[in-house]
Each structure stands twice: as C-alpha cells, then as structure tokens.
Amino acid sequence: MAVDKTDSYEWTCESEIQLFRGLIKHKPVGVFRHFQMMCLCNFLNSVLREPVTPDIIWRKLDTLYNMEELHESEVNPFQGKMREFSLSEEFDSLKELEFPRVAPRSDTATPKSSVVDTSNRKRTRKSVRWADVLTTSDNMVQTPTTSTVTTDAGVGSSSRKRRR
C-alpha cells in the first residue's frame, strides 16, 4: 500500500502561521480561486522548508473551513448582464443643442504659402510652421502655412582637400 504524500504532510505551528499569512494576501475562493491557490502555494514554498503542493493546501483548508460554502458566498463579478449605455434624462436638453462651430472672420485674411524658386538649390525640405493666430470673439484658431526652407550646410566641404 503506497503512502500518499498529501496525508503524510505534518503541519507545524510555523507552517500554519505562514498559511494564514498567505491567506490574508491570496484568498482561494471565488472565480479566481485556482490562480490564488497557485500564488498561495508559491508563497508557502518560498517561506517553508518542506515543499507544499496545492492538494496539501486544499486538504488543510477543507479541515479548517467549509470551502464549498465560502465559494458559493463569494460575489461573482460576472453575474451582471450587459446592457447598452445611455445618458440620463438630464442630458436630453444638451443633446438637442446644435454643436457650436467656429467660423473664421471675414475681415481677417488667411496667410498664403510663399513660393520660392528651388531650381538652383540642392537640398530642400518643407516645414510646417504655425503662423498667424486668428482670434474670434470666443476662441483662438491657429492656421498652418507651408514654406520652403533651404539648407546649405556642408556644401563643398567634402570636395576640398586638406593641405598640410
């Protein structure tokens, strides 16, 4: 007759204290009880000298508590049925309002992009800069304009030879 290791494990006073310390952090009831049991088992194996298996812990907890009743009494976070979201009635007046739009003022001209002849240039890049700020009575509106920038850094530096 083979001796089962789960029956032969002796719970000492120290191992029970560590079990209760682990139970404070990891409560093995409810939907995630098996994940919590693995965390509890890892905790006990890190602080005790003899290795403990989840079966040993389950048997010990069954002697201390009615685990089935604890599992039934645990609140299930997934019991609620899903329903579509809707705003309360106090937002009905806001939903009827037209969305405010900002229109540019007619007396302010928008800046036009500058045109630069780049036929004689080697390197060019376009950059966007935030130019004129148009102000309305309520808001400030920024309009981007494009301009061409030429970079001549390093032109001719590789063709010149260094003389001693």
N, C-alpha and C. Protein backbone atom coordinates (compact mmCIF):
# COMPACT_ATOMS: atom_id res chain seq x y z
N MET A 1 0.84 -1.16 0.00
CA MET A 1 0.00 0.00 0.00
C MET A 1 0.90 1.24 0.00
N ALA A 2 0.72 2.11 -0.99
CA ALA A 2 1.53 3.32 -1.11
C ALA A 2 0.99 4.39 -0.17
N VAL A 3 1.93 5.14 0.40
CA VAL A 3 1.55 6.21 1.30
C VAL A 3 1.43 7.49 0.48
N ASP A 4 0.30 8.15 0.61
CA ASP A 4 0.05 9.40 -0.12
C ASP A 4 0.79 10.54 0.58
N LYS A 5 1.50 11.36 -0.20
CA LYS A 5 2.26 12.46 0.38
C LYS A 5 1.35 13.52 0.98
N THR A 6 0.13 13.65 0.46
CA THR A 6 -0.77 14.67 0.99
C THR A 6 -1.25 14.31 2.39
N ASP A 7 -1.33 13.01 2.68
CA ASP A 7 -1.76 12.59 4.02
C ASP A 7 -0.60 12.62 5.01
N SER A 8 0.63 12.49 4.52
CA SER A 8 1.77 12.41 5.42
C SER A 8 2.39 13.78 5.76
N TYR A 9 1.89 14.85 5.18
CA TYR A 9 2.46 16.17 5.47
C TYR A 9 2.02 16.60 6.86
N GLU A 10 3.00 17.00 7.66
CA GLU A 10 2.70 17.45 9.01
C GLU A 10 2.73 18.96 9.06
N TRP A 11 1.60 19.52 9.43
CA TRP A 11 1.51 20.96 9.57
C TRP A 11 2.03 21.35 10.95
N THR A 12 3.10 22.11 10.95
CA THR A 12 3.65 22.59 12.21
C THR A 12 2.99 23.93 12.55
N CYS A 13 3.29 24.40 13.73
CA CYS A 13 2.74 25.70 14.14
C CYS A 13 3.24 26.80 13.20
N GLU A 14 4.51 26.75 12.82
CA GLU A 14 5.10 27.73 11.90
C GLU A 14 4.45 27.65 10.51
N SER A 15 4.23 26.44 10.01
CA SER A 15 3.63 26.31 8.67
C SER A 15 2.18 26.79 8.67
N GLU A 16 1.45 26.59 9.76
CA GLU A 16 0.07 27.09 9.82
C GLU A 16 0.05 28.61 9.90
N ILE A 17 0.98 29.18 10.65
CA ILE A 17 1.06 30.65 10.72
C ILE A 17 1.34 31.22 9.33
N GLN A 18 2.26 30.60 8.60
CA GLN A 18 2.57 31.06 7.25
C GLN A 18 1.38 30.85 6.32
N LEU A 19 0.62 29.78 6.53
CA LEU A 19 -0.58 29.56 5.74
C LEU A 19 -1.57 30.70 5.95
N PHE A 20 -1.79 31.09 7.20
CA PHE A 20 -2.72 32.18 7.49
C PHE A 20 -2.20 33.53 6.96
N ARG A 21 -0.91 33.73 7.01
CA ARG A 21 -0.34 34.94 6.41
C ARG A 21 -0.56 34.96 4.90
N GLY A 22 -0.40 33.81 4.28
CA GLY A 22 -0.64 33.71 2.84
C GLY A 22 -2.11 33.89 2.49
N LEU A 23 -3.01 33.42 3.39
CA LEU A 23 -4.44 33.56 3.13
C LEU A 23 -4.89 35.01 3.20
N ILE A 24 -4.16 35.83 3.96
CA ILE A 24 -4.50 37.25 4.00
C ILE A 24 -4.30 37.88 2.62
N LYS A 25 -3.24 37.49 1.94
CA LYS A 25 -2.94 38.06 0.62
C LYS A 25 -3.69 37.35 -0.51
N HIS A 26 -3.81 36.03 -0.41
CA HIS A 26 -4.36 35.23 -1.50
C HIS A 26 -5.50 34.37 -0.97
N LYS A 27 -6.73 34.80 -1.21
CA LYS A 27 -7.91 34.09 -0.73
C LYS A 27 -8.38 33.14 -1.83
N PRO A 28 -8.24 31.83 -1.65
CA PRO A 28 -8.58 30.89 -2.73
C PRO A 28 -10.07 30.56 -2.79
N VAL A 29 -10.91 31.54 -2.99
CA VAL A 29 -12.34 31.33 -3.20
C VAL A 29 -12.78 32.22 -4.35
N GLY A 30 -13.92 31.90 -4.92
CA GLY A 30 -14.46 32.71 -5.99
C GLY A 30 -13.99 32.26 -7.36
N VAL A 31 -14.16 33.12 -8.31
CA VAL A 31 -13.87 32.80 -9.70
C VAL A 31 -12.38 32.50 -9.92
N PHE A 32 -11.52 33.26 -9.27
CA PHE A 32 -10.08 33.12 -9.48
C PHE A 32 -9.41 32.30 -8.39
N ARG A 33 -10.11 31.34 -7.80
CA ARG A 33 -9.57 30.59 -6.67
C ARG A 33 -8.34 29.76 -7.05
N HIS A 34 -8.30 29.24 -8.26
CA HIS A 34 -7.15 28.42 -8.65
C HIS A 34 -5.90 29.27 -8.87
N PHE A 35 -6.08 30.46 -9.40
CA PHE A 35 -4.93 31.37 -9.53
C PHE A 35 -4.43 31.81 -8.16
N GLN A 36 -5.37 32.10 -7.27
CA GLN A 36 -4.99 32.49 -5.92
C GLN A 36 -4.31 31.33 -5.19
N MET A 37 -4.75 30.10 -5.46
CA MET A 37 -4.11 28.94 -4.84
C MET A 37 -2.68 28.78 -5.32
N MET A 38 -2.44 29.05 -6.59
CA MET A 38 -1.06 28.95 -7.10
C MET A 38 -0.17 30.02 -6.45
N CYS A 39 -0.72 31.21 -6.25
CA CYS A 39 0.04 32.27 -5.58
C CYS A 39 0.30 31.90 -4.13
N LEU A 40 -0.69 31.32 -3.47
CA LEU A 40 -0.53 30.88 -2.08
C LEU A 40 0.49 29.75 -1.98
N CYS A 41 0.45 28.84 -2.93
CA CYS A 41 1.41 27.73 -2.95
C CYS A 41 2.84 28.26 -3.17
N ASN A 42 3.00 29.20 -4.08
CA ASN A 42 4.33 29.80 -4.30
C ASN A 42 4.82 30.52 -3.07
N PHE A 43 3.92 31.23 -2.38
CA PHE A 43 4.31 31.93 -1.16
C PHE A 43 4.77 30.94 -0.10
N LEU A 44 3.99 29.88 0.12
CA LEU A 44 4.36 28.91 1.15
C LEU A 44 5.66 28.19 0.81
N ASN A 45 5.86 27.88 -0.45
CA ASN A 45 7.12 27.22 -0.83
C ASN A 45 8.33 28.15 -0.68
N SER A 46 8.10 29.44 -0.71
CA SER A 46 9.23 30.36 -0.54
C SER A 46 9.59 30.56 0.92
N VAL A 47 8.65 30.32 1.85
CA VAL A 47 8.93 30.57 3.27
C VAL A 47 9.08 29.29 4.10
N LEU A 48 8.60 28.16 3.59
CA LEU A 48 8.71 26.90 4.35
C LEU A 48 9.86 26.06 3.84
N ARG A 49 10.33 25.17 4.70
CA ARG A 49 11.45 24.30 4.32
C ARG A 49 10.98 23.14 3.44
N GLU A 50 9.85 22.53 3.80
CA GLU A 50 9.33 21.41 3.01
C GLU A 50 8.40 21.93 1.91
N PRO A 51 8.51 21.36 0.72
CA PRO A 51 7.63 21.82 -0.37
C PRO A 51 6.17 21.43 -0.11
N VAL A 52 5.28 22.33 -0.52
CA VAL A 52 3.85 22.13 -0.32
C VAL A 52 3.19 22.16 -1.69
N THR A 53 2.25 21.24 -1.90
CA THR A 53 1.51 21.20 -3.16
C THR A 53 0.13 21.83 -2.96
N PRO A 54 -0.52 22.22 -4.04
CA PRO A 54 -1.89 22.75 -3.89
C PRO A 54 -2.86 21.74 -3.28
N ASP A 55 -2.68 20.45 -3.56
CA ASP A 55 -3.56 19.43 -2.96
C ASP A 55 -3.42 19.41 -1.44
N ILE A 56 -2.21 19.55 -0.93
CA ILE A 56 -1.99 19.59 0.52
C ILE A 56 -2.70 20.80 1.12
N ILE A 57 -2.60 21.92 0.45
CA ILE A 57 -3.22 23.15 0.96
C ILE A 57 -4.74 23.03 0.90
N TRP A 58 -5.29 22.47 -0.20
CA TRP A 58 -6.74 22.31 -0.30
C TRP A 58 -7.26 21.41 0.83
N ARG A 59 -6.55 20.34 1.12
CA ARG A 59 -7.00 19.43 2.19
C ARG A 59 -6.95 20.12 3.55
N LYS A 60 -5.92 20.90 3.79
CA LYS A 60 -5.82 21.62 5.06
C LYS A 60 -6.94 22.66 5.17
N LEU A 61 -7.21 23.37 4.11
CA LEU A 61 -8.27 24.36 4.13
C LEU A 61 -9.65 23.71 4.30
N ASP A 62 -9.83 22.51 3.75
CA ASP A 62 -11.10 21.79 3.93
C ASP A 62 -11.31 21.39 5.38
N THR A 63 -10.22 21.12 6.11
CA THR A 63 -10.37 20.78 7.53
C THR A 63 -10.66 22.02 8.36
N LEU A 64 -10.20 23.18 7.91
CA LEU A 64 -10.40 24.41 8.67
C LEU A 64 -11.71 25.12 8.33
N TYR A 65 -12.11 25.10 7.07
CA TYR A 65 -13.26 25.86 6.59
C TYR A 65 -14.14 24.98 5.73
N ASN A 66 -15.38 25.42 5.54
CA ASN A 66 -16.28 24.81 4.58
C ASN A 66 -16.05 25.54 3.25
N MET A 67 -15.12 25.05 2.47
CA MET A 67 -14.67 25.75 1.27
C MET A 67 -15.78 25.87 0.22
N GLU A 68 -16.66 24.87 0.14
CA GLU A 68 -17.75 24.93 -0.82
C GLU A 68 -18.71 26.08 -0.48
N GLU A 69 -19.00 26.24 0.80
CA GLU A 69 -19.88 27.33 1.22
C GLU A 69 -19.21 28.69 1.02
N LEU A 70 -17.92 28.78 1.27
CA LEU A 70 -17.20 30.03 1.03
C LEU A 70 -17.20 30.40 -0.46
N HIS A 71 -17.04 29.37 -1.29
CA HIS A 71 -17.05 29.61 -2.72
C HIS A 71 -18.42 30.11 -3.18
N GLU A 72 -19.48 29.53 -2.65
CA GLU A 72 -20.84 29.93 -3.02
C GLU A 72 -21.15 31.35 -2.54
N SER A 73 -20.62 31.72 -1.37
CA SER A 73 -20.93 33.03 -0.82
C SER A 73 -20.11 34.15 -1.45
N GLU A 74 -19.07 33.82 -2.19
CA GLU A 74 -18.23 34.84 -2.82
C GLU A 74 -19.01 35.53 -3.95
N VAL A 75 -18.87 36.82 -4.05
CA VAL A 75 -19.58 37.59 -5.07
C VAL A 75 -18.93 37.32 -6.43
N ASN A 76 -19.78 36.98 -7.40
CA ASN A 76 -19.30 36.72 -8.75
C ASN A 76 -19.33 38.02 -9.54
N PRO A 77 -18.16 38.52 -9.98
CA PRO A 77 -18.14 39.79 -10.70
C PRO A 77 -18.75 39.70 -12.09
N PHE A 78 -19.01 38.50 -12.61
CA PHE A 78 -19.50 38.34 -13.96
C PHE A 78 -20.98 38.00 -14.02
N GLN A 79 -21.71 38.14 -12.90
CA GLN A 79 -23.12 37.79 -12.88
C GLN A 79 -23.99 38.79 -13.62
N GLY A 80 -23.65 40.05 -13.55
CA GLY A 80 -24.49 41.09 -14.16
C GLY A 80 -24.59 40.94 -15.65
N LYS A 81 -25.77 41.24 -16.18
CA LYS A 81 -25.96 41.18 -17.62
C LYS A 81 -25.53 42.50 -18.23
N MET A 82 -24.99 42.44 -19.42
CA MET A 82 -24.55 43.65 -20.10
C MET A 82 -25.77 44.35 -20.68
N ARG A 83 -25.75 45.67 -20.60
CA ARG A 83 -26.81 46.46 -21.22
C ARG A 83 -26.17 47.66 -21.90
N GLU A 84 -26.86 48.17 -22.88
CA GLU A 84 -26.34 49.27 -23.67
C GLU A 84 -26.31 50.55 -22.84
N PHE A 85 -25.26 51.32 -23.01
CA PHE A 85 -25.10 52.56 -22.27
C PHE A 85 -26.01 53.62 -22.85
N SER A 86 -26.64 54.39 -21.98
CA SER A 86 -27.43 55.53 -22.41
C SER A 86 -27.30 56.64 -21.38
N LEU A 87 -27.33 57.87 -21.86
CA LEU A 87 -27.24 59.01 -20.96
C LEU A 87 -28.55 59.18 -20.20
N SER A 88 -28.46 59.77 -19.02
CA SER A 88 -29.67 60.00 -18.24
C SER A 88 -30.49 61.14 -18.86
N GLU A 89 -31.69 61.32 -18.36
CA GLU A 89 -32.62 62.30 -18.93
C GLU A 89 -32.14 63.74 -18.76
N GLU A 90 -31.31 63.99 -17.80
CA GLU A 90 -30.85 65.37 -17.59
C GLU A 90 -29.94 65.86 -18.71
N PHE A 91 -29.47 64.97 -19.57
CA PHE A 91 -28.64 65.37 -20.70
C PHE A 91 -29.45 65.56 -21.98
N ASP A 92 -30.77 65.34 -21.93
CA ASP A 92 -31.60 65.48 -23.12
C ASP A 92 -31.56 66.90 -23.68
N SER A 93 -31.56 67.89 -22.80
CA SER A 93 -31.53 69.28 -23.28
C SER A 93 -30.20 69.59 -23.97
N LEU A 94 -29.12 68.99 -23.51
CA LEU A 94 -27.82 69.21 -24.16
C LEU A 94 -27.74 68.51 -25.51
N LYS A 95 -28.38 67.35 -25.62
CA LYS A 95 -28.34 66.62 -26.89
C LYS A 95 -29.11 67.35 -27.98
N GLU A 96 -30.11 68.15 -27.61
CA GLU A 96 -30.90 68.88 -28.59
C GLU A 96 -30.17 70.11 -29.12
N LEU A 97 -29.20 70.62 -28.38
CA LEU A 97 -28.46 71.80 -28.82
C LEU A 97 -27.59 71.49 -30.02
N GLU A 98 -27.43 72.49 -30.89
CA GLU A 98 -26.56 72.33 -32.04
C GLU A 98 -25.11 72.47 -31.59
N PHE A 99 -24.25 71.69 -32.15
CA PHE A 99 -22.84 71.72 -31.79
C PHE A 99 -22.25 73.05 -32.23
N PRO A 100 -21.57 73.79 -31.34
CA PRO A 100 -21.04 75.10 -31.73
C PRO A 100 -19.85 74.96 -32.69
N ARG A 101 -19.88 75.73 -33.74
CA ARG A 101 -18.80 75.73 -34.73
C ARG A 101 -18.09 77.08 -34.68
N VAL A 102 -16.80 77.08 -35.00
CA VAL A 102 -16.03 78.31 -35.04
C VAL A 102 -15.80 78.64 -36.51
N ALA A 103 -16.28 79.78 -36.93
CA ALA A 103 -16.12 80.21 -38.31
C ALA A 103 -15.08 81.33 -38.35
N PRO A 104 -14.18 81.32 -39.34
CA PRO A 104 -13.20 82.40 -39.42
C PRO A 104 -13.90 83.72 -39.76
N ARG A 105 -13.36 84.79 -39.24
CA ARG A 105 -13.93 86.11 -39.51
C ARG A 105 -13.61 86.54 -40.93
N SER A 106 -14.53 87.20 -41.56
CA SER A 106 -14.35 87.57 -42.97
C SER A 106 -13.37 88.73 -43.14
N ASP A 107 -13.19 89.57 -42.11
CA ASP A 107 -12.30 90.72 -42.26
C ASP A 107 -10.83 90.37 -42.10
N THR A 108 -10.49 89.16 -41.66
CA THR A 108 -9.11 88.74 -41.48
C THR A 108 -8.73 87.82 -42.63
N ALA A 109 -7.68 88.15 -43.34
CA ALA A 109 -7.23 87.33 -44.46
C ALA A 109 -6.35 86.21 -43.94
N THR A 110 -6.48 85.05 -44.55
CA THR A 110 -5.62 83.92 -44.18
C THR A 110 -4.30 84.06 -44.90
N PRO A 111 -3.18 83.72 -44.27
CA PRO A 111 -1.88 83.85 -44.94
C PRO A 111 -1.73 82.83 -46.05
N LYS A 112 -1.09 83.25 -47.12
CA LYS A 112 -0.86 82.35 -48.25
C LYS A 112 0.54 81.79 -48.16
N SER A 113 0.74 80.61 -48.72
CA SER A 113 2.06 80.00 -48.66
C SER A 113 3.01 80.72 -49.61
N SER A 114 4.24 80.85 -49.19
CA SER A 114 5.23 81.54 -50.00
C SER A 114 5.80 80.59 -51.03
N VAL A 115 6.07 81.11 -52.22
CA VAL A 115 6.61 80.30 -53.30
C VAL A 115 8.05 80.73 -53.51
N VAL A 116 8.98 79.77 -53.49
CA VAL A 116 10.40 80.06 -53.65
C VAL A 116 10.91 79.22 -54.81
N ASP A 117 11.71 79.84 -55.67
CA ASP A 117 12.30 79.12 -56.79
C ASP A 117 13.42 78.24 -56.25
N THR A 118 13.27 76.94 -56.40
CA THR A 118 14.24 75.99 -55.86
C THR A 118 15.00 75.28 -56.95
N SER A 119 15.04 75.81 -58.17
CA SER A 119 15.72 75.11 -59.26
C SER A 119 17.23 75.08 -59.06
N ASN A 120 17.84 76.09 -58.42
CA ASN A 120 19.28 76.14 -58.23
C ASN A 120 19.71 75.55 -56.89
N ARG A 121 18.83 75.07 -56.12
CA ARG A 121 19.16 74.59 -54.78
C ARG A 121 19.27 73.07 -54.80
N LYS A 122 20.18 72.56 -53.94
CA LYS A 122 20.36 71.11 -53.88
C LYS A 122 19.39 70.44 -52.91
N ARG A 123 19.38 70.93 -51.69
CA ARG A 123 18.57 70.27 -50.67
C ARG A 123 17.45 71.19 -50.21
N THR A 124 16.27 70.66 -50.21
CA THR A 124 15.15 71.44 -49.72
C THR A 124 14.26 70.54 -48.85
N ARG A 125 13.60 71.17 -47.98
CA ARG A 125 12.61 70.43 -47.21
C ARG A 125 11.45 71.36 -46.92
N LYS A 126 10.29 70.78 -46.81
CA LYS A 126 9.14 71.59 -46.49
C LYS A 126 8.89 71.47 -44.99
N SER A 127 8.63 72.56 -44.40
CA SER A 127 8.32 72.54 -42.99
C SER A 127 7.00 73.26 -42.77
N VAL A 128 6.31 72.83 -41.81
CA VAL A 128 5.05 73.46 -41.47
C VAL A 128 5.28 74.29 -40.23
N ARG A 129 4.96 75.53 -40.30
CA ARG A 129 5.08 76.37 -39.12
C ARG A 129 3.72 76.95 -38.80
N TRP A 130 3.50 77.13 -37.55
CA TRP A 130 2.22 77.70 -37.12
C TRP A 130 2.39 79.22 -37.17
N ALA A 131 1.69 79.81 -38.10
CA ALA A 131 1.86 81.24 -38.32
C ALA A 131 0.77 82.01 -37.60
N ASP A 132 0.15 82.87 -38.30
CA ASP A 132 -0.77 83.85 -37.74
C ASP A 132 -1.86 83.20 -36.90
N VAL A 133 -2.17 83.88 -35.86
CA VAL A 133 -3.22 83.41 -34.99
C VAL A 133 -4.43 84.28 -35.22
N LEU A 134 -5.50 83.64 -35.64
CA LEU A 134 -6.74 84.38 -35.87
C LEU A 134 -7.55 84.34 -34.59
N THR A 135 -8.03 85.44 -34.19
CA THR A 135 -8.82 85.46 -32.97
C THR A 135 -10.26 85.76 -33.31
N THR A 136 -11.11 85.01 -32.71
CA THR A 136 -12.53 85.29 -32.83
C THR A 136 -12.98 85.82 -31.49
N SER A 137 -14.22 86.10 -31.37
CA SER A 137 -14.70 86.66 -30.11
C SER A 137 -14.58 85.67 -28.96
N ASP A 138 -14.68 84.37 -29.24
CA ASP A 138 -14.64 83.36 -28.17
C ASP A 138 -13.35 82.55 -28.16
N ASN A 139 -12.86 82.15 -29.33
CA ASN A 139 -11.76 81.20 -29.40
C ASN A 139 -10.59 81.76 -30.19
N MET A 140 -9.47 81.07 -30.07
CA MET A 140 -8.31 81.37 -30.90
C MET A 140 -8.12 80.21 -31.85
N VAL A 141 -7.97 80.50 -33.12
CA VAL A 141 -7.81 79.46 -34.13
C VAL A 141 -6.43 79.62 -34.74
N GLN A 142 -5.67 78.51 -34.85
CA GLN A 142 -4.36 78.54 -35.47
C GLN A 142 -4.45 77.91 -36.85
N THR A 143 -3.82 78.55 -37.83
CA THR A 143 -3.83 78.01 -39.18
C THR A 143 -2.41 77.73 -39.60
N PRO A 144 -2.12 76.53 -40.12
CA PRO A 144 -0.75 76.22 -40.56
C PRO A 144 -0.50 76.79 -41.94
N THR A 145 0.73 77.21 -42.18
CA THR A 145 1.14 77.62 -43.52
C THR A 145 2.40 76.84 -43.86
N THR A 146 2.61 76.61 -45.14
CA THR A 146 3.81 75.88 -45.55
C THR A 146 4.80 76.85 -46.16
N SER A 147 6.07 76.56 -45.93
CA SER A 147 7.13 77.37 -46.53
C SER A 147 8.27 76.45 -46.90
N THR A 148 9.10 76.88 -47.81
CA THR A 148 10.23 76.07 -48.25
C THR A 148 11.48 76.62 -47.59
N VAL A 149 12.27 75.72 -47.00
CA VAL A 149 13.50 76.10 -46.32
C VAL A 149 14.65 75.40 -47.02
N THR A 150 15.72 76.13 -47.27
CA THR A 150 16.89 75.55 -47.92
C THR A 150 18.00 75.40 -46.90
N THR A 151 18.63 74.23 -46.92
CA THR A 151 19.77 74.01 -46.02
C THR A 151 21.01 73.82 -46.87
N ASP A 152 22.00 74.70 -46.69
CA ASP A 152 23.24 74.62 -47.45
C ASP A 152 24.40 74.16 -46.59
N ALA A 153 24.14 73.57 -45.46
CA ALA A 153 25.22 73.16 -44.58
C ALA A 153 26.00 72.02 -45.21
N GLY A 154 27.29 72.15 -45.21
CA GLY A 154 28.14 71.08 -45.69
C GLY A 154 28.36 71.06 -47.18
N VAL A 155 27.86 72.02 -47.93
CA VAL A 155 28.05 72.02 -49.38
C VAL A 155 29.50 72.39 -49.65
N GLY A 156 30.20 71.58 -50.43
CA GLY A 156 31.57 71.83 -50.79
C GLY A 156 32.59 71.38 -49.77
N SER A 157 32.19 70.95 -48.61
CA SER A 157 33.16 70.57 -47.59
C SER A 157 33.83 69.26 -47.92
N SER A 158 33.15 68.37 -48.64
CA SER A 158 33.77 67.09 -48.97
C SER A 158 34.67 67.21 -50.19
N SER A 159 34.48 68.24 -51.02
CA SER A 159 35.29 68.35 -52.24
C SER A 159 36.63 69.04 -51.98
N ARG A 160 36.75 69.76 -50.91
CA ARG A 160 38.01 70.43 -50.61
C ARG A 160 38.96 69.46 -49.92
N LYS A 161 40.20 69.50 -50.35
CA LYS A 161 41.20 68.64 -49.74
C LYS A 161 41.95 69.43 -48.70
N ARG A 162 42.36 68.79 -47.70
CA ARG A 162 43.11 69.44 -46.63
C ARG A 162 44.57 69.52 -47.02
N ARG A 163 45.17 70.70 -46.95
CA ARG A 163 46.57 70.86 -47.32
C ARG A 163 47.40 71.00 -46.07
N ARG A 164 48.59 70.41 -46.12
CA ARG A 164 49.50 70.49 -44.98
C ARG A 164 50.55 71.50 -45.19
